[in-house]
Amino acid sequence: MYGRSLSNWFPGYVNFEAGYRYRAEAPSDEFRYLAEIGVDITERLYVRAKLDGINSMNNADTVANISGNPTAGNQFDLQKLDTALGYKLTGKWGWNLAIPDASCKEHG
């Protein structure tokens, strides 16, 4: 996990996270990651983008997945891009519009 304010250059932040999920048996081990950046456009308006992913280490027994659900299989990769536009109503409250992810991909 690593996060940093970008206030020396502009009002914003970056965040990176990574981890390895070890499994003694099926399903496959996973490498998980997240990268995020957020920027204040004005004092009240901000934007955020976040890339979230799971990559299989492809070390599980390959059993056919007849359900069509990628999370029901023993090994799969998923990537998702989240974007949002927000408005700060007060110091503690805000409004957030999440933009649907058209780039979510499953590989397996």
PDB file of N, CA and C in Angstrom:
ATOM      1  N   MET A   1       0.827  -1.165   0.000  1.00  0.00           N
ATOM      2  CA  MET A   1       0.000   0.000   0.000  1.00  0.00           C
ATOM      3  C   MET A   1       0.878   1.238   0.000  1.00  0.00           C
ATOM      4  N   TYR A   2       0.572   2.172  -0.901  1.00  0.00           N
ATOM      5  CA  TYR A   2       1.310   3.420  -0.946  1.00  0.00           C
ATOM      6  C   TYR A   2       0.346   4.508  -1.403  1.00  0.00           C
ATOM      7  N   GLY A   3       0.290   5.587  -0.680  1.00  0.00           N
ATOM      8  CA  GLY A   3      -0.548   6.715  -1.049  1.00  0.00           C
ATOM      9  C   GLY A   3       0.226   7.999  -0.879  1.00  0.00           C
ATOM     10  N   ARG A   4      -0.104   8.970  -1.694  1.00  0.00           N
ATOM     11  CA  ARG A   4       0.639  10.225  -1.646  1.00  0.00           C
ATOM     12  C   ARG A   4      -0.252  11.379  -2.064  1.00  0.00           C
ATOM     13  N   SER A   5      -0.133  12.469  -1.329  1.00  0.00           N
ATOM     14  CA  SER A   5      -0.803  13.708  -1.712  1.00  0.00           C
ATOM     15  C   SER A   5      -0.014  14.357  -2.845  1.00  0.00           C
ATOM     16  N   LEU A   6      -0.710  14.956  -3.760  1.00  0.00           N
ATOM     17  CA  LEU A   6      -0.056  15.669  -4.872  1.00  0.00           C
ATOM     18  C   LEU A   6      -0.142  17.174  -4.678  1.00  0.00           C
ATOM     19  N   SER A   7      -0.362  17.607  -3.433  1.00  0.00           N
ATOM     20  CA  SER A   7      -0.614  19.024  -3.156  1.00  0.00           C
ATOM     21  C   SER A   7       0.565  19.934  -3.488  1.00  0.00           C
ATOM     22  N   ASN A   8       1.774  19.397  -3.643  1.00  0.00           N
ATOM     23  CA  ASN A   8       2.913  20.237  -4.069  1.00  0.00           C
ATOM     24  C   ASN A   8       2.760  20.694  -5.514  1.00  0.00           C
ATOM     25  N   TRP A   9       1.996  19.947  -6.305  1.00  0.00           N
ATOM     26  CA  TRP A   9       1.832  20.266  -7.721  1.00  0.00           C
ATOM     27  C   TRP A   9       0.411  20.724  -8.048  1.00  0.00           C
ATOM     28  N   PHE A  10      -0.584  20.030  -7.505  1.00  0.00           N
ATOM     29  CA  PHE A  10      -1.996  20.381  -7.709  1.00  0.00           C
ATOM     30  C   PHE A  10      -2.807  19.648  -6.644  1.00  0.00           C
ATOM     31  N   PRO A  11      -4.060  20.064  -6.403  1.00  0.00           N
ATOM     32  CA  PRO A  11      -4.863  19.410  -5.356  1.00  0.00           C
ATOM     33  C   PRO A  11      -5.349  18.031  -5.800  1.00  0.00           C
ATOM     34  N   GLY A  12      -4.667  17.010  -5.318  1.00  0.00           N
ATOM     35  CA  GLY A  12      -5.031  15.653  -5.685  1.00  0.00           C
ATOM     36  C   GLY A  12      -4.252  14.637  -4.883  1.00  0.00           C
ATOM     37  N   TYR A  13      -4.432  13.356  -5.234  1.00  0.00           N
ATOM     38  CA  TYR A  13      -3.752  12.263  -4.540  1.00  0.00           C
ATOM     39  C   TYR A  13      -3.578  11.077  -5.482  1.00  0.00           C
ATOM     40  N   VAL A  14      -2.669  10.186  -5.137  1.00  0.00           N
ATOM     41  CA  VAL A  14      -2.514   8.906  -5.814  1.00  0.00           C
ATOM     42  C   VAL A  14      -2.444   7.823  -4.752  1.00  0.00           C
ATOM     43  N   ASN A  15      -2.859   6.625  -5.117  1.00  0.00           N
ATOM     44  CA  ASN A  15      -2.846   5.496  -4.200  1.00  0.00           C
ATOM     45  C   ASN A  15      -2.551   4.228  -4.999  1.00  0.00           C
ATOM     46  N   PHE A  16      -1.656   3.397  -4.475  1.00  0.00           N
ATOM     47  CA  PHE A  16      -1.330   2.113  -5.096  1.00  0.00           C
ATOM     48  C   PHE A  16      -1.405   1.031  -4.034  1.00  0.00           C
ATOM     49  N   GLU A  17      -2.009  -0.094  -4.389  1.00  0.00           N
ATOM     50  CA  GLU A  17      -2.093  -1.238  -3.487  1.00  0.00           C
ATOM     51  C   GLU A  17      -1.796  -2.494  -4.294  1.00  0.00           C
ATOM     52  N   ALA A  18      -1.130  -3.456  -3.654  1.00  0.00           N
ATOM     53  CA  ALA A  18      -0.847  -4.734  -4.304  1.00  0.00           C
ATOM     54  C   ALA A  18      -0.766  -5.811  -3.239  1.00  0.00           C
ATOM     55  N   GLY A  19      -1.156  -7.025  -3.618  1.00  0.00           N
ATOM     56  CA  GLY A  19      -1.070  -8.137  -2.691  1.00  0.00           C
ATOM     57  C   GLY A  19      -1.117  -9.461  -3.427  1.00  0.00           C
ATOM     58  N   TYR A  20      -0.619 -10.478  -2.769  1.00  0.00           N
ATOM     59  CA  TYR A  20      -0.627 -11.825  -3.328  1.00  0.00           C
ATOM     60  C   TYR A  20      -1.496 -12.703  -2.437  1.00  0.00           C
ATOM     61  N   ARG A  21      -2.423 -13.414  -3.042  1.00  0.00           N
ATOM     62  CA  ARG A  21      -3.311 -14.308  -2.297  1.00  0.00           C
ATOM     63  C   ARG A  21      -2.863 -15.744  -2.552  1.00  0.00           C
ATOM     64  N   TYR A  22      -2.210 -16.328  -1.557  1.00  0.00           N
ATOM     65  CA  TYR A  22      -1.724 -17.702  -1.656  1.00  0.00           C
ATOM     66  C   TYR A  22      -2.832 -18.675  -1.246  1.00  0.00           C
ATOM     67  N   ARG A  23      -2.975 -19.734  -2.025  1.00  0.00           N
ATOM     68  CA  ARG A  23      -3.938 -20.794  -1.712  1.00  0.00           C
ATOM     69  C   ARG A  23      -3.229 -22.136  -1.807  1.00  0.00           C
ATOM     70  N   ALA A  24      -3.431 -22.969  -0.793  1.00  0.00           N
ATOM     71  CA  ALA A  24      -2.768 -24.270  -0.756  1.00  0.00           C
ATOM     72  C   ALA A  24      -3.356 -25.239  -1.790  1.00  0.00           C
ATOM     73  N   GLU A  25      -4.622 -25.042  -2.146  1.00  0.00           N
ATOM     74  CA  GLU A  25      -5.284 -25.896  -3.129  1.00  0.00           C
ATOM     75  C   GLU A  25      -6.076 -24.998  -4.075  1.00  0.00           C
ATOM     76  N   ALA A  26      -6.907 -25.600  -4.949  1.00  0.00           N
ATOM     77  CA  ALA A  26      -7.742 -24.820  -5.868  1.00  0.00           C
ATOM     78  C   ALA A  26      -8.671 -23.932  -5.050  1.00  0.00           C
ATOM     79  N   PRO A  27      -9.046 -22.802  -5.516  1.00  0.00           N
ATOM     80  CA  PRO A  27      -8.720 -22.187  -6.801  1.00  0.00           C
ATOM     81  C   PRO A  27      -7.299 -21.613  -6.834  1.00  0.00           C
ATOM     82  N   SER A  28      -6.975 -21.001  -7.958  1.00  0.00           N
ATOM     83  CA  SER A  28      -5.645 -20.485  -8.236  1.00  0.00           C
ATOM     84  C   SER A  28      -5.227 -19.369  -7.275  1.00  0.00           C
ATOM     85  N   ASP A  29      -3.912 -19.251  -7.046  1.00  0.00           N
ATOM     86  CA  ASP A  29      -3.373 -18.087  -6.344  1.00  0.00           C
ATOM     87  C   ASP A  29      -3.700 -16.845  -7.171  1.00  0.00           C
ATOM     88  N   GLU A  30      -3.706 -15.674  -6.522  1.00  0.00           N
ATOM     89  CA  GLU A  30      -4.060 -14.431  -7.219  1.00  0.00           C
ATOM     90  C   GLU A  30      -3.103 -13.309  -6.857  1.00  0.00           C
ATOM     91  N   PHE A  31      -2.839 -12.465  -7.835  1.00  0.00           N
ATOM     92  CA  PHE A  31      -2.165 -11.193  -7.598  1.00  0.00           C
ATOM     93  C   PHE A  31      -3.245 -10.120  -7.730  1.00  0.00           C
ATOM     94  N   ARG A  32      -3.446  -9.335  -6.669  1.00  0.00           N
ATOM     95  CA  ARG A  32      -4.471  -8.290  -6.673  1.00  0.00           C
ATOM     96  C   ARG A  32      -3.795  -6.928  -6.638  1.00  0.00           C
ATOM     97  N   TYR A  33      -4.382  -5.966  -7.362  1.00  0.00           N
ATOM     98  CA  TYR A  33      -3.797  -4.628  -7.407  1.00  0.00           C
ATOM     99  C   TYR A  33      -4.872  -3.560  -7.547  1.00  0.00           C
ATOM    100  N   LEU A  34      -4.495  -2.353  -7.185  1.00  0.00           N
ATOM    101  CA  LEU A  34      -5.378  -1.204  -7.306  1.00  0.00           C
ATOM    102  C   LEU A  34      -4.513   0.034  -7.509  1.00  0.00           C
ATOM    103  N   ALA A  35      -4.870   0.876  -8.450  1.00  0.00           N
ATOM    104  CA  ALA A  35      -4.215   2.165  -8.668  1.00  0.00           C
ATOM    105  C   ALA A  35      -5.317   3.215  -8.771  1.00  0.00           C
ATOM    106  N   GLU A  36      -5.170   4.311  -8.034  1.00  0.00           N
ATOM    107  CA  GLU A  36      -6.214   5.331  -7.982  1.00  0.00           C
ATOM    108  C   GLU A  36      -5.596   6.715  -8.018  1.00  0.00           C
ATOM    109  N   ILE A  37      -6.271   7.635  -8.702  1.00  0.00           N
ATOM    110  CA  ILE A  37      -5.881   9.035  -8.703  1.00  0.00           C
ATOM    111  C   ILE A  37      -7.145   9.880  -8.560  1.00  0.00           C
ATOM    112  N   GLY A  38      -7.051  10.917  -7.756  1.00  0.00           N
ATOM    113  CA  GLY A  38      -8.170  11.833  -7.569  1.00  0.00           C
ATOM    114  C   GLY A  38      -7.665  13.269  -7.639  1.00  0.00           C
ATOM    115  N   VAL A  39      -8.456  14.141  -8.225  1.00  0.00           N
ATOM    116  CA  VAL A  39      -8.048  15.539  -8.423  1.00  0.00           C
ATOM    117  C   VAL A  39      -9.227  16.449  -8.135  1.00  0.00           C
ATOM    118  N   ASP A  40      -8.961  17.519  -7.374  1.00  0.00           N
ATOM    119  CA  ASP A  40      -9.956  18.574  -7.171  1.00  0.00           C
ATOM    120  C   ASP A  40      -9.891  19.526  -8.357  1.00  0.00           C
ATOM    121  N   ILE A  41     -10.994  19.646  -9.083  1.00  0.00           N
ATOM    122  CA  ILE A  41     -11.052  20.563 -10.218  1.00  0.00           C
ATOM    123  C   ILE A  41     -11.290  21.984  -9.715  1.00  0.00           C
ATOM    124  N   THR A  42     -12.201  22.120  -8.770  1.00  0.00           N
ATOM    125  CA  THR A  42     -12.455  23.390  -8.091  1.00  0.00           C
ATOM    126  C   THR A  42     -12.499  23.094  -6.594  1.00  0.00           C
ATOM    127  N   GLU A  43     -12.867  24.065  -5.800  1.00  0.00           N
ATOM    128  CA  GLU A  43     -12.956  23.857  -4.359  1.00  0.00           C
ATOM    129  C   GLU A  43     -14.011  22.803  -4.005  1.00  0.00           C
ATOM    130  N   ARG A  44     -15.049  22.666  -4.822  1.00  0.00           N
ATOM    131  CA  ARG A  44     -16.129  21.711  -4.532  1.00  0.00           C
ATOM    132  C   ARG A  44     -16.232  20.550  -5.517  1.00  0.00           C
ATOM    133  N   LEU A  45     -15.708  20.661  -6.707  1.00  0.00           N
ATOM    134  CA  LEU A  45     -15.844  19.657  -7.756  1.00  0.00           C
ATOM    135  C   LEU A  45     -14.566  18.820  -7.868  1.00  0.00           C
ATOM    136  N   TYR A  46     -14.715  17.483  -7.940  1.00  0.00           N
ATOM    137  CA  TYR A  46     -13.550  16.609  -8.053  1.00  0.00           C
ATOM    138  C   TYR A  46     -13.835  15.446  -8.996  1.00  0.00           C
ATOM    139  N   VAL A  47     -12.766  14.802  -9.471  1.00  0.00           N
ATOM    140  CA  VAL A  47     -12.854  13.600 -10.300  1.00  0.00           C
ATOM    141  C   VAL A  47     -11.934  12.540  -9.710  1.00  0.00           C
ATOM    142  N   ARG A  48     -12.276  11.270  -9.987  1.00  0.00           N
ATOM    143  CA  ARG A  48     -11.495  10.151  -9.489  1.00  0.00           C
ATOM    144  C   ARG A  48     -11.505   9.042 -10.528  1.00  0.00           C
ATOM    145  N   ALA A  49     -10.362   8.380 -10.685  1.00  0.00           N
ATOM    146  CA  ALA A  49     -10.272   7.190 -11.537  1.00  0.00           C
ATOM    147  C   ALA A  49      -9.533   6.108 -10.759  1.00  0.00           C
ATOM    148  N   LYS A  50     -10.052   4.870 -10.862  1.00  0.00           N
ATOM    149  CA  LYS A  50      -9.468   3.763 -10.105  1.00  0.00           C
ATOM    150  C   LYS A  50      -9.439   2.512 -10.980  1.00  0.00           C
ATOM    151  N   LEU A  51      -8.271   1.906 -11.108  1.00  0.00           N
ATOM    152  CA  LEU A  51      -8.102   0.638 -11.817  1.00  0.00           C
ATOM    153  C   LEU A  51      -7.914  -0.450 -10.772  1.00  0.00           C
ATOM    154  N   ASP A  52      -8.788  -1.446 -10.806  1.00  0.00           N
ATOM    155  CA  ASP A  52      -8.806  -2.518  -9.821  1.00  0.00           C
ATOM    156  C   ASP A  52      -8.664  -3.837 -10.573  1.00  0.00           C
ATOM    157  N   GLY A  53      -7.790  -4.734 -10.126  1.00  0.00           N
ATOM    158  CA  GLY A  53      -7.624  -5.974 -10.873  1.00  0.00           C
ATOM    159  C   GLY A  53      -7.232  -7.170 -10.048  1.00  0.00           C
ATOM    160  N   ILE A  54      -7.526  -8.338 -10.619  1.00  0.00           N
ATOM    161  CA  ILE A  54      -7.135  -9.632 -10.075  1.00  0.00           C
ATOM    162  C   ILE A  54      -6.520 -10.422 -11.228  1.00  0.00           C
ATOM    163  N   ASN A  55      -5.307 -10.905 -11.029  1.00  0.00           N
ATOM    164  CA  ASN A  55      -4.666 -11.741 -12.041  1.00  0.00           C
ATOM    165  C   ASN A  55      -4.398 -13.108 -11.447  1.00  0.00           C
ATOM    166  N   SER A  56      -4.876 -14.137 -12.132  1.00  0.00           N
ATOM    167  CA  SER A  56      -4.670 -15.516 -11.699  1.00  0.00           C
ATOM    168  C   SER A  56      -3.226 -15.920 -11.956  1.00  0.00           C
ATOM    169  N   MET A  57      -2.684 -16.734 -11.073  1.00  0.00           N
ATOM    170  CA  MET A  57      -1.344 -17.284 -11.286  1.00  0.00           C
ATOM    171  C   MET A  57      -1.410 -18.585 -12.089  1.00  0.00           C
ATOM    172  N   ASN A  58      -2.648 -18.960 -12.489  1.00  0.00           N
ATOM    173  CA  ASN A  58      -2.891 -20.132 -13.353  1.00  0.00           C
ATOM    174  C   ASN A  58      -2.250 -21.408 -12.814  1.00  0.00           C
ATOM    175  N   ASN A  59      -2.365 -21.612 -11.501  1.00  0.00           N
ATOM    176  CA  ASN A  59      -1.775 -22.815 -10.918  1.00  0.00           C
ATOM    177  C   ASN A  59      -2.825 -23.742 -10.308  1.00  0.00           C
ATOM    178  N   ALA A  60      -4.073 -23.573 -10.678  1.00  0.00           N
ATOM    179  CA  ALA A  60      -5.142 -24.442 -10.166  1.00  0.00           C
ATOM    180  C   ALA A  60      -5.417 -25.562 -11.160  1.00  0.00           C
ATOM    181  N   ASP A  61      -6.118 -26.580 -10.683  1.00  0.00           N
ATOM    182  CA  ASP A  61      -6.586 -27.622 -11.587  1.00  0.00           C
ATOM    183  C   ASP A  61      -7.584 -26.989 -12.541  1.00  0.00           C
ATOM    184  N   THR A  62      -7.475 -27.290 -13.816  1.00  0.00           N
ATOM    185  CA  THR A  62      -8.388 -26.709 -14.792  1.00  0.00           C
ATOM    186  C   THR A  62      -9.629 -27.577 -14.905  1.00  0.00           C
ATOM    187  N   VAL A  63     -10.678 -27.140 -14.238  1.00  0.00           N
ATOM    188  CA  VAL A  63     -11.968 -27.821 -14.277  1.00  0.00           C
ATOM    189  C   VAL A  63     -12.895 -26.967 -15.130  1.00  0.00           C
ATOM    190  N   ALA A  64     -13.625 -27.575 -16.030  1.00  0.00           N
ATOM    191  CA  ALA A  64     -14.532 -26.821 -16.907  1.00  0.00           C
ATOM    192  C   ALA A  64     -15.572 -26.078 -16.081  1.00  0.00           C
ATOM    193  N   ASN A  65     -15.793 -24.822 -16.410  1.00  0.00           N
ATOM    194  CA  ASN A  65     -16.799 -24.000 -15.735  1.00  0.00           C
ATOM    195  C   ASN A  65     -18.031 -23.942 -16.630  1.00  0.00           C
ATOM    196  N   ILE A  66     -19.040 -24.726 -16.306  1.00  0.00           N
ATOM    197  CA  ILE A  66     -20.227 -24.785 -17.163  1.00  0.00           C
ATOM    198  C   ILE A  66     -21.253 -23.710 -16.811  1.00  0.00           C
ATOM    199  N   SER A  67     -21.058 -23.006 -15.692  1.00  0.00           N
ATOM    200  CA  SER A  67     -22.053 -22.011 -15.274  1.00  0.00           C
ATOM    201  C   SER A  67     -21.940 -20.703 -16.047  1.00  0.00           C
ATOM    202  N   GLY A  68     -20.773 -20.408 -16.620  1.00  0.00           N
ATOM    203  CA  GLY A  68     -20.578 -19.142 -17.310  1.00  0.00           C
ATOM    204  C   GLY A  68     -20.169 -18.021 -16.370  1.00  0.00           C
ATOM    205  N   ASN A  69     -20.125 -18.275 -15.083  1.00  0.00           N
ATOM    206  CA  ASN A  69     -19.726 -17.277 -14.097  1.00  0.00           C
ATOM    207  C   ASN A  69     -18.210 -17.326 -13.938  1.00  0.00           C
ATOM    208  N   PRO A  70     -17.484 -16.226 -14.265  1.00  0.00           N
ATOM    209  CA  PRO A  70     -16.022 -16.271 -14.198  1.00  0.00           C
ATOM    210  C   PRO A  70     -15.498 -16.466 -12.781  1.00  0.00           C
ATOM    211  N   THR A  71     -16.253 -16.066 -11.757  1.00  0.00           N
ATOM    212  CA  THR A  71     -15.780 -16.231 -10.388  1.00  0.00           C
ATOM    213  C   THR A  71     -16.018 -17.637  -9.860  1.00  0.00           C
ATOM    214  N   ALA A  72     -16.776 -18.461 -10.580  1.00  0.00           N
ATOM    215  CA  ALA A  72     -17.024 -19.831 -10.156  1.00  0.00           C
ATOM    216  C   ALA A  72     -15.915 -20.762 -10.626  1.00  0.00           C
ATOM    217  N   GLY A  73     -15.107 -20.319 -11.557  1.00  0.00           N
ATOM    218  CA  GLY A  73     -14.009 -21.142 -12.064  1.00  0.00           C
ATOM    219  C   GLY A  73     -12.834 -21.123 -11.114  1.00  0.00           C
ATOM    220  N   ASN A  74     -11.854 -21.965 -11.397  1.00  0.00           N
ATOM    221  CA  ASN A  74     -10.685 -22.075 -10.536  1.00  0.00           C
ATOM    222  C   ASN A  74      -9.660 -20.974 -10.770  1.00  0.00           C
ATOM    223  N   GLN A  75      -9.653 -20.372 -11.941  1.00  0.00           N
ATOM    224  CA  GLN A  75      -8.675 -19.336 -12.243  1.00  0.00           C
ATOM    225  C   GLN A  75      -9.246 -18.378 -13.283  1.00  0.00           C
ATOM    226  N   PHE A  76      -9.046 -17.102 -13.030  1.00  0.00           N
ATOM    227  CA  PHE A  76      -9.569 -16.076 -13.922  1.00  0.00           C
ATOM    228  C   PHE A  76      -8.841 -14.771 -13.657  1.00  0.00           C
ATOM    229  N   ASP A  77      -8.907 -13.855 -14.609  1.00  0.00           N
ATOM    230  CA  ASP A  77      -8.372 -12.501 -14.479  1.00  0.00           C
ATOM    231  C   ASP A  77      -9.530 -11.526 -14.617  1.00  0.00           C
ATOM    232  N   LEU A  78      -9.549 -10.495 -13.797  1.00  0.00           N
ATOM    233  CA  LEU A  78     -10.559  -9.444 -13.894  1.00  0.00           C
ATOM    234  C   LEU A  78      -9.880  -8.082 -13.774  1.00  0.00           C
ATOM    235  N   GLN A  79     -10.272  -7.152 -14.601  1.00  0.00           N
ATOM    236  CA  GLN A  79      -9.833  -5.766 -14.496  1.00  0.00           C
ATOM    237  C   GLN A  79     -11.061  -4.872 -14.581  1.00  0.00           C
ATOM    238  N   LYS A  80     -11.068  -3.809 -13.757  1.00  0.00           N
ATOM    239  CA  LYS A  80     -12.215  -2.906 -13.746  1.00  0.00           C
ATOM    240  C   LYS A  80     -11.707  -1.473 -13.586  1.00  0.00           C
ATOM    241  N   LEU A  81     -12.239  -0.583 -14.398  1.00  0.00           N
ATOM    242  CA  LEU A  81     -11.898   0.831 -14.302  1.00  0.00           C
ATOM    243  C   LEU A  81     -13.116   1.583 -13.778  1.00  0.00           C
ATOM    244  N   ASP A  82     -12.970   2.220 -12.617  1.00  0.00           N
ATOM    245  CA  ASP A  82     -14.027   3.038 -12.027  1.00  0.00           C
ATOM    246  C   ASP A  82     -13.664   4.507 -12.205  1.00  0.00           C
ATOM    247  N   THR A  83     -14.614   5.294 -12.639  1.00  0.00           N
ATOM    248  CA  THR A  83     -14.436   6.742 -12.724  1.00  0.00           C
ATOM    249  C   THR A  83     -15.618   7.405 -12.035  1.00  0.00           C
ATOM    250  N   ALA A  84     -15.367   8.557 -11.454  1.00  0.00           N
ATOM    251  CA  ALA A  84     -16.432   9.250 -10.728  1.00  0.00           C
ATOM    252  C   ALA A  84     -16.219  10.755 -10.797  1.00  0.00           C
ATOM    253  N   LEU A  85     -17.328  11.456 -10.732  1.00  0.00           N
ATOM    254  CA  LEU A  85     -17.359  12.909 -10.646  1.00  0.00           C
ATOM    255  C   LEU A  85     -18.096  13.234  -9.358  1.00  0.00           C
ATOM    256  N   GLY A  86     -17.516  14.109  -8.545  1.00  0.00           N
ATOM    257  CA  GLY A  86     -18.126  14.392  -7.260  1.00  0.00           C
ATOM    258  C   GLY A  86     -18.258  15.876  -6.982  1.00  0.00           C
ATOM    259  N   TYR A  87     -19.177  16.183  -6.063  1.00  0.00           N
ATOM    260  CA  TYR A  87     -19.413  17.560  -5.640  1.00  0.00           C
ATOM    261  C   TYR A  87     -19.494  17.584  -4.118  1.00  0.00           C
ATOM    262  N   LYS A  88     -18.672  18.407  -3.477  1.00  0.00           N
ATOM    263  CA  LYS A  88     -18.642  18.521  -2.019  1.00  0.00           C
ATOM    264  C   LYS A  88     -19.737  19.490  -1.574  1.00  0.00           C
ATOM    265  N   LEU A  89     -20.752  18.961  -0.884  1.00  0.00           N
ATOM    266  CA  LEU A  89     -21.855  19.790  -0.398  1.00  0.00           C
ATOM    267  C   LEU A  89     -21.450  20.562   0.853  1.00  0.00           C
ATOM    268  N   THR A  90     -20.815  19.869   1.801  1.00  0.00           N
ATOM    269  CA  THR A  90     -20.307  20.470   3.033  1.00  0.00           C
ATOM    270  C   THR A  90     -18.945  19.845   3.312  1.00  0.00           C
ATOM    271  N   GLY A  91     -18.369  20.121   4.474  1.00  0.00           N
ATOM    272  CA  GLY A  91     -17.096  19.513   4.838  1.00  0.00           C
ATOM    273  C   GLY A  91     -17.175  18.009   5.021  1.00  0.00           C
ATOM    274  N   LYS A  92     -18.363  17.509   5.374  1.00  0.00           N
ATOM    275  CA  LYS A  92     -18.529  16.080   5.632  1.00  0.00           C
ATOM    276  C   LYS A  92     -19.407  15.358   4.613  1.00  0.00           C
ATOM    277  N   TRP A  93     -20.161  16.078   3.823  1.00  0.00           N
ATOM    278  CA  TRP A  93     -21.104  15.457   2.894  1.00  0.00           C
ATOM    279  C   TRP A  93     -20.795  15.854   1.462  1.00  0.00           C
ATOM    280  N   GLY A  94     -21.052  14.915   0.565  1.00  0.00           N
ATOM    281  CA  GLY A  94     -20.834  15.179  -0.847  1.00  0.00           C
ATOM    282  C   GLY A  94     -21.738  14.324  -1.707  1.00  0.00           C
ATOM    283  N   TRP A  95     -21.716  14.585  -2.971  1.00  0.00           N
ATOM    284  CA  TRP A  95     -22.505  13.858  -3.961  1.00  0.00           C
ATOM    285  C   TRP A  95     -21.513  13.245  -4.939  1.00  0.00           C
ATOM    286  N   ASN A  96     -21.693  11.983  -5.299  1.00  0.00           N
ATOM    287  CA  ASN A  96     -20.754  11.271  -6.156  1.00  0.00           C
ATOM    288  C   ASN A  96     -21.507  10.605  -7.296  1.00  0.00           C
ATOM    289  N   LEU A  97     -21.125  10.863  -8.529  1.00  0.00           N
ATOM    290  CA  LEU A  97     -21.711  10.227  -9.707  1.00  0.00           C
ATOM    291  C   LEU A  97     -20.693   9.245 -10.268  1.00  0.00           C
ATOM    292  N   ALA A  98     -20.965   7.966 -10.095  1.00  0.00           N
ATOM    293  CA  ALA A  98     -20.081   6.928 -10.625  1.00  0.00           C
ATOM    294  C   ALA A  98     -20.436   6.684 -12.083  1.00  0.00           C
ATOM    295  N   ILE A  99     -19.435   6.645 -12.923  1.00  0.00           N
ATOM    296  CA  ILE A  99     -19.632   6.426 -14.355  1.00  0.00           C
ATOM    297  C   ILE A  99     -19.455   4.932 -14.615  1.00  0.00           C
ATOM    298  N   PRO A 100     -20.460   4.261 -15.202  1.00  0.00           N
ATOM    299  CA  PRO A 100     -20.379   2.807 -15.408  1.00  0.00           C
ATOM    300  C   PRO A 100     -19.134   2.410 -16.181  1.00  0.00           C
ATOM    301  N   ASP A 101     -18.595   1.260 -15.822  1.00  0.00           N
ATOM    302  CA  ASP A 101     -17.363   0.771 -16.428  1.00  0.00           C
ATOM    303  C   ASP A 101     -17.660  -0.054 -17.667  1.00  0.00           C
ATOM    304  N   ALA A 102     -17.317   0.503 -18.813  1.00  0.00           N
ATOM    305  CA  ALA A 102     -17.514  -0.211 -20.066  1.00  0.00           C
ATOM    306  C   ALA A 102     -16.291  -1.056 -20.406  1.00  0.00           C
ATOM    307  N   SER A 103     -15.200  -0.903 -19.624  1.00  0.00           N
ATOM    308  CA  SER A 103     -13.969  -1.616 -19.959  1.00  0.00           C
ATOM    309  C   SER A 103     -13.712  -2.834 -19.088  1.00  0.00           C
ATOM    310  N   CYS A 104     -14.663  -3.227 -18.240  1.00  0.00           N
ATOM    311  CA  CYS A 104     -14.471  -4.375 -17.359  1.00  0.00           C
ATOM    312  C   CYS A 104     -14.274  -5.618 -18.225  1.00  0.00           C
ATOM    313  N   LYS A 105     -13.186  -6.325 -17.976  1.00  0.00           N
ATOM    314  CA  LYS A 105     -12.862  -7.477 -18.809  1.00  0.00           C
ATOM    315  C   LYS A 105     -12.581  -8.690 -17.945  1.00  0.00           C
ATOM    316  N   GLU A 106     -13.069  -9.845 -18.402  1.00  0.00           N
ATOM    317  CA  GLU A 106     -12.785 -11.109 -17.747  1.00  0.00           C
ATOM    318  C   GLU A 106     -11.982 -11.944 -18.722  1.00  0.00           C
ATOM    319  N   HIS A 107     -10.892 -12.500 -18.247  1.00  0.00           N
ATOM    320  CA  HIS A 107     -10.053 -13.376 -19.073  1.00  0.00           C
ATOM    321  C   HIS A 107      -9.897 -14.684 -18.330  1.00  0.00           C
ATOM    322  N   GLY A 108     -10.018 -15.774 -19.019  1.00  0.00           N
ATOM    323  CA  GLY A 108      -9.852 -17.024 -18.278  1.00  0.00           C
ATOM    324  C   GLY A 108      -9.588 -18.203 -19.138  1.00  0.00           C
TER     325      GLY A 108
END
